[in-house]
Amino acid sequence: MNLYEAIKALAGGGVEFVIVGGQALRSHGSAYLTEDLDICYSREPLNLRRIATVLAPYNPRPRNFPDELPFVWDWTTLLNGTNFTFRTSLGDVDLLGEVAGVGSYPEVFAESIMVDVEGFALRILSIEGLIRAKETAGRVKDQLGLQELYALKEAQQDKE
């Protein structure tokens, strides 16, 4: 699994996205381990075309979708849905048109900060945005991440 390759491919392909899941947590200094890449993406047609082009070489396919069933990967597939969970040859990639507790891409973008990841200027969801998203999701698996986010937020406030 190589999620950094997926990040570099998306960034290098001009895709408009914000990293919103476990990778965002790690970028803020969390020890949280994740095995997928969660991004919130612009739903503009040009961006959907870019996503389809960039991810095509990595054979995206819906997770938990039977291999024997046909699946068409193109920008219209993305146009006809909002949130997707894909398995690719680089690892699992989740494309989120909306993030619970934060909103769609424009709201997520406004709630993001810029970071450098291996020479690419990328946007990640802020600590406050991650807290809202994880609190809204209310999943048991998010509880440890939330505790770290609260501690990171407190440490950030102490620096100010």
C-alpha atoms as a PDB file:
ATOM      1  CA  MET A   1       0.000   0.000   0.000  1.00  0.00           C
ATOM      2  CA  ASN A   2       1.424   3.368  -0.977  1.00  0.00           C
ATOM      3  CA  LEU A   3      -0.897   6.207  -0.048  1.00  0.00           C
ATOM      4  CA  TYR A   4       1.788   8.832  -0.618  1.00  0.00           C
ATOM      5  CA  GLU A   5       1.927   7.756  -4.267  1.00  0.00           C
ATOM      6  CA  ALA A   6      -1.834   8.295  -4.463  1.00  0.00           C
ATOM      7  CA  ILE A   7      -1.455  11.747  -2.872  1.00  0.00           C
ATOM      8  CA  LYS A   8       1.366  12.655  -5.264  1.00  0.00           C
ATOM      9  CA  ALA A   9      -0.609  11.403  -8.272  1.00  0.00           C
ATOM     10  CA  LEU A  10      -3.677  13.457  -7.309  1.00  0.00           C
ATOM     11  CA  ALA A  11      -1.636  16.583  -6.565  1.00  0.00           C
ATOM     12  CA  GLY A  12       0.487  16.159  -9.687  1.00  0.00           C
ATOM     13  CA  GLY A  13      -2.659  15.730 -11.777  1.00  0.00           C
ATOM     14  CA  GLY A  14      -4.068  19.066 -10.664  1.00  0.00           C
ATOM     15  CA  VAL A  15      -6.935  17.512  -8.686  1.00  0.00           C
ATOM     16  CA  GLU A  16      -8.637  19.887  -6.245  1.00  0.00           C
ATOM     17  CA  PHE A  17      -8.900  18.044  -2.925  1.00  0.00           C
ATOM     18  CA  VAL A  18      -8.433  18.304   0.821  1.00  0.00           C
ATOM     19  CA  ILE A  19      -7.067  15.403   2.883  1.00  0.00           C
ATOM     20  CA  VAL A  20      -9.654  14.793   5.604  1.00  0.00           C
ATOM     21  CA  GLY A  21      -9.104  11.454   7.317  1.00  0.00           C
ATOM     22  CA  GLY A  22      -6.325   9.650   9.141  1.00  0.00           C
ATOM     23  CA  GLN A  23      -3.643  11.127   6.890  1.00  0.00           C
ATOM     24  CA  ALA A  24      -4.790  14.598   7.980  1.00  0.00           C
ATOM     25  CA  LEU A  25      -4.586  13.474  11.603  1.00  0.00           C
ATOM     26  CA  ARG A  26      -1.014  12.273  11.037  1.00  0.00           C
ATOM     27  CA  SER A  27      -0.086  15.532   9.326  1.00  0.00           C
ATOM     28  CA  HIS A  28      -1.183  17.375  12.470  1.00  0.00           C
ATOM     29  CA  GLY A  29       1.192  15.240  14.565  1.00  0.00           C
ATOM     30  CA  SER A  30      -1.081  12.392  15.612  1.00  0.00           C
ATOM     31  CA  ALA A  31       0.229   8.855  16.042  1.00  0.00           C
ATOM     32  CA  TYR A  32      -3.043   7.581  14.522  1.00  0.00           C
ATOM     33  CA  LEU A  33      -2.440   4.849  11.943  1.00  0.00           C
ATOM     34  CA  THR A  34      -4.656   4.564   8.913  1.00  0.00           C
ATOM     35  CA  GLU A  35      -4.762   2.220   5.986  1.00  0.00           C
ATOM     36  CA  ASP A  36      -6.671   4.409   3.572  1.00  0.00           C
ATOM     37  CA  LEU A  37      -6.657   7.879   2.075  1.00  0.00           C
ATOM     38  CA  ASP A  38      -9.758   9.999   2.665  1.00  0.00           C
ATOM     39  CA  ILE A  39     -10.131  13.123   0.571  1.00  0.00           C
ATOM     40  CA  CYS A  40     -12.886  15.640   0.034  1.00  0.00           C
ATOM     41  CA  TYR A  41     -12.916  16.645  -3.621  1.00  0.00           C
ATOM     42  CA  SER A  42     -14.345  19.395  -5.781  1.00  0.00           C
ATOM     43  CA  ARG A  43     -17.343  18.122  -7.726  1.00  0.00           C
ATOM     44  CA  GLU A  44     -16.726  20.449 -10.680  1.00  0.00           C
ATOM     45  CA  PRO A  45     -16.770  18.485 -13.972  1.00  0.00           C
ATOM     46  CA  LEU A  46     -13.144  19.312 -14.826  1.00  0.00           C
ATOM     47  CA  ASN A  47     -12.014  18.030 -11.434  1.00  0.00           C
ATOM     48  CA  LEU A  48     -14.057  14.832 -11.842  1.00  0.00           C
ATOM     49  CA  ARG A  49     -12.310  14.282 -15.192  1.00  0.00           C
ATOM     50  CA  ARG A  50      -8.918  14.839 -13.552  1.00  0.00           C
ATOM     51  CA  ILE A  51      -9.681  12.350 -10.769  1.00  0.00           C
ATOM     52  CA  ALA A  52     -10.826   9.754 -13.298  1.00  0.00           C
ATOM     53  CA  THR A  53      -7.680  10.238 -15.397  1.00  0.00           C
ATOM     54  CA  VAL A  54      -5.238  10.267 -12.472  1.00  0.00           C
ATOM     55  CA  LEU A  55      -6.637   7.199 -10.724  1.00  0.00           C
ATOM     56  CA  ALA A  56      -7.318   5.097 -13.851  1.00  0.00           C
ATOM     57  CA  PRO A  57      -3.821   3.488 -13.937  1.00  0.00           C
ATOM     58  CA  TYR A  58      -4.410   2.216 -10.376  1.00  0.00           C
ATOM     59  CA  ASN A  59      -7.550   0.249 -11.302  1.00  0.00           C
ATOM     60  CA  PRO A  60     -10.080   1.777  -8.885  1.00  0.00           C
ATOM     61  CA  ARG A  61     -12.963  -0.470  -8.003  1.00  0.00           C
ATOM     62  CA  PRO A  62     -15.616  -0.103  -5.298  1.00  0.00           C
ATOM     63  CA  ARG A  63     -14.614  -1.865  -2.096  1.00  0.00           C
ATOM     64  CA  ASN A  64     -16.713  -4.931  -1.278  1.00  0.00           C
ATOM     65  CA  PHE A  65     -17.974  -5.040  -4.875  1.00  0.00           C
ATOM     66  CA  PRO A  66     -17.861  -8.529  -6.443  1.00  0.00           C
ATOM     67  CA  ASP A  67     -14.969  -8.892  -8.889  1.00  0.00           C
ATOM     68  CA  GLU A  68     -17.149 -10.761 -11.380  1.00  0.00           C
ATOM     69  CA  LEU A  69     -19.497  -7.785 -11.799  1.00  0.00           C
ATOM     70  CA  PRO A  70     -18.608  -5.142 -14.377  1.00  0.00           C
ATOM     71  CA  PHE A  71     -17.651  -1.680 -13.197  1.00  0.00           C
ATOM     72  CA  VAL A  72     -17.042   1.364 -15.380  1.00  0.00           C
ATOM     73  CA  TRP A  73     -14.460   3.824 -14.092  1.00  0.00           C
ATOM     74  CA  ASP A  74     -14.875   7.242 -15.635  1.00  0.00           C
ATOM     75  CA  TRP A  75     -15.793  10.768 -14.656  1.00  0.00           C
ATOM     76  CA  THR A  76     -19.526  10.153 -15.134  1.00  0.00           C
ATOM     77  CA  THR A  77     -19.388   7.469 -12.446  1.00  0.00           C
ATOM     78  CA  LEU A  78     -18.138  10.178 -10.088  1.00  0.00           C
ATOM     79  CA  LEU A  79     -20.753  12.605 -11.382  1.00  0.00           C
ATOM     80  CA  ASN A  80     -23.551  10.171 -10.473  1.00  0.00           C
ATOM     81  CA  GLY A  81     -22.551   9.794  -6.813  1.00  0.00           C
ATOM     82  CA  THR A  82     -21.062  11.778  -3.964  1.00  0.00           C
ATOM     83  CA  ASN A  83     -19.088   9.601  -1.543  1.00  0.00           C
ATOM     84  CA  PHE A  84     -17.124   6.596  -2.788  1.00  0.00           C
ATOM     85  CA  THR A  85     -14.898   3.940  -1.227  1.00  0.00           C
ATOM     86  CA  PHE A  86     -12.459   2.440  -3.715  1.00  0.00           C
ATOM     87  CA  ARG A  87      -9.747  -0.145  -3.590  1.00  0.00           C
ATOM     88  CA  THR A  88      -6.839   0.643  -5.915  1.00  0.00           C
ATOM     89  CA  SER A  89      -3.448  -0.911  -6.594  1.00  0.00           C
ATOM     90  CA  LEU A  90      -2.009   1.825  -4.322  1.00  0.00           C
ATOM     91  CA  GLY A  91      -4.395   1.112  -1.450  1.00  0.00           C
ATOM     92  CA  ASP A  92      -7.875   2.151  -0.405  1.00  0.00           C
ATOM     93  CA  VAL A  93      -8.957   5.638  -1.478  1.00  0.00           C
ATOM     94  CA  ASP A  94     -12.172   7.232  -0.248  1.00  0.00           C
ATOM     95  CA  LEU A  95     -13.562  10.125  -2.293  1.00  0.00           C
ATOM     96  CA  LEU A  96     -15.907  12.273  -0.240  1.00  0.00           C
ATOM     97  CA  GLY A  97     -18.035  14.929  -1.876  1.00  0.00           C
ATOM     98  CA  GLU A  98     -19.282  15.840   1.600  1.00  0.00           C
ATOM     99  CA  VAL A  99     -17.836  15.513   5.088  1.00  0.00           C
ATOM    100  CA  ALA A 100     -20.358  15.157   7.916  1.00  0.00           C
ATOM    101  CA  GLY A 101     -20.110  18.034  10.361  1.00  0.00           C
ATOM    102  CA  VAL A 102     -18.156  20.230   7.941  1.00  0.00           C
ATOM    103  CA  GLY A 103     -19.939  20.268   4.568  1.00  0.00           C
ATOM    104  CA  SER A 104     -19.099  19.931   0.892  1.00  0.00           C
ATOM    105  CA  TYR A 105     -15.803  20.839  -0.777  1.00  0.00           C
ATOM    106  CA  PRO A 106     -16.090  24.654  -0.492  1.00  0.00           C
ATOM    107  CA  GLU A 107     -16.733  24.427   3.273  1.00  0.00           C
ATOM    108  CA  VAL A 108     -14.018  21.811   3.761  1.00  0.00           C
ATOM    109  CA  PHE A 109     -11.561  23.914   1.716  1.00  0.00           C
ATOM    110  CA  ALA A 110     -12.358  26.976   3.864  1.00  0.00           C
ATOM    111  CA  GLU A 111     -11.684  24.871   6.976  1.00  0.00           C
ATOM    112  CA  SER A 112      -8.337  23.537   5.699  1.00  0.00           C
ATOM    113  CA  ILE A 113      -4.703  24.533   6.074  1.00  0.00           C
ATOM    114  CA  MET A 114      -1.754  24.217   3.689  1.00  0.00           C
ATOM    115  CA  VAL A 115       1.043  21.719   4.422  1.00  0.00           C
ATOM    116  CA  ASP A 116       4.030  20.405   2.492  1.00  0.00           C
ATOM    117  CA  VAL A 117       4.051  16.684   1.752  1.00  0.00           C
ATOM    118  CA  GLU A 118       7.144  15.516  -0.104  1.00  0.00           C
ATOM    119  CA  GLY A 119       7.397  18.768  -2.055  1.00  0.00           C
ATOM    120  CA  PHE A 120       3.691  19.113  -2.796  1.00  0.00           C
ATOM    121  CA  ALA A 121       1.685  21.933  -1.235  1.00  0.00           C
ATOM    122  CA  LEU A 122      -1.446  20.150  -0.037  1.00  0.00           C
ATOM    123  CA  ARG A 123      -4.513  21.097   1.944  1.00  0.00           C
ATOM    124  CA  ILE A 124      -5.541  19.151   5.039  1.00  0.00           C
ATOM    125  CA  LEU A 125      -8.590  19.628   7.198  1.00  0.00           C
ATOM    126  CA  SER A 126      -7.871  21.744  10.289  1.00  0.00           C
ATOM    127  CA  ILE A 127      -7.839  20.239  13.760  1.00  0.00           C
ATOM    128  CA  GLU A 128     -11.161  21.954  14.507  1.00  0.00           C
ATOM    129  CA  GLY A 129     -12.672  20.568  11.295  1.00  0.00           C
ATOM    130  CA  LEU A 130     -11.429  17.061  12.074  1.00  0.00           C
ATOM    131  CA  ILE A 131     -12.920  17.283  15.565  1.00  0.00           C
ATOM    132  CA  ARG A 132     -16.318  18.312  14.167  1.00  0.00           C
ATOM    133  CA  ALA A 133     -16.217  15.574  11.521  1.00  0.00           C
ATOM    134  CA  LYS A 134     -15.287  12.837  13.987  1.00  0.00           C
ATOM    135  CA  GLU A 135     -17.759  14.015  16.637  1.00  0.00           C
ATOM    136  CA  THR A 136     -20.530  14.093  14.018  1.00  0.00           C
ATOM    137  CA  ALA A 137     -19.635  10.630  12.693  1.00  0.00           C
ATOM    138  CA  GLY A 138     -19.893   9.263  16.236  1.00  0.00           C
ATOM    139  CA  ARG A 139     -18.075   6.028  15.378  1.00  0.00           C
ATOM    140  CA  VAL A 140     -16.353   4.012  18.084  1.00  0.00           C
ATOM    141  CA  LYS A 141     -13.179   3.816  15.984  1.00  0.00           C
ATOM    142  CA  ASP A 142     -12.906   7.636  16.016  1.00  0.00           C
ATOM    143  CA  GLN A 143     -12.756   7.944  19.800  1.00  0.00           C
ATOM    144  CA  LEU A 144      -8.968   7.496  20.088  1.00  0.00           C
ATOM    145  CA  GLY A 145      -8.387   9.910  17.241  1.00  0.00           C
ATOM    146  CA  LEU A 146     -10.675  12.420  18.920  1.00  0.00           C
ATOM    147  CA  GLN A 147      -8.719  12.233  22.174  1.00  0.00           C
ATOM    148  CA  GLU A 148      -5.515  12.985  20.270  1.00  0.00           C
ATOM    149  CA  LEU A 149      -7.190  15.833  18.397  1.00  0.00           C
ATOM    150  CA  TYR A 150      -8.353  17.418  21.666  1.00  0.00           C
ATOM    151  CA  ALA A 151      -4.775  17.184  22.983  1.00  0.00           C
ATOM    152  CA  LEU A 152      -3.327  18.609  19.739  1.00  0.00           C
ATOM    153  CA  LYS A 153      -5.811  21.486  19.850  1.00  0.00           C
ATOM    154  CA  GLU A 154      -4.861  22.241  23.460  1.00  0.00           C
ATOM    155  CA  ALA A 155      -1.146  22.143  22.619  1.00  0.00           C
ATOM    156  CA  GLN A 156      -1.756  24.450  19.671  1.00  0.00           C
ATOM    157  CA  GLN A 157      -3.615  26.927  21.901  1.00  0.00           C
ATOM    158  CA  ASP A 158      -0.792  26.842  24.449  1.00  0.00           C
ATOM    159  CA  LYS A 159       1.655  27.945  21.718  1.00  0.00           C
ATOM    160  CA  GLU A 160      -0.459  30.966  20.816  1.00  0.00           C
END
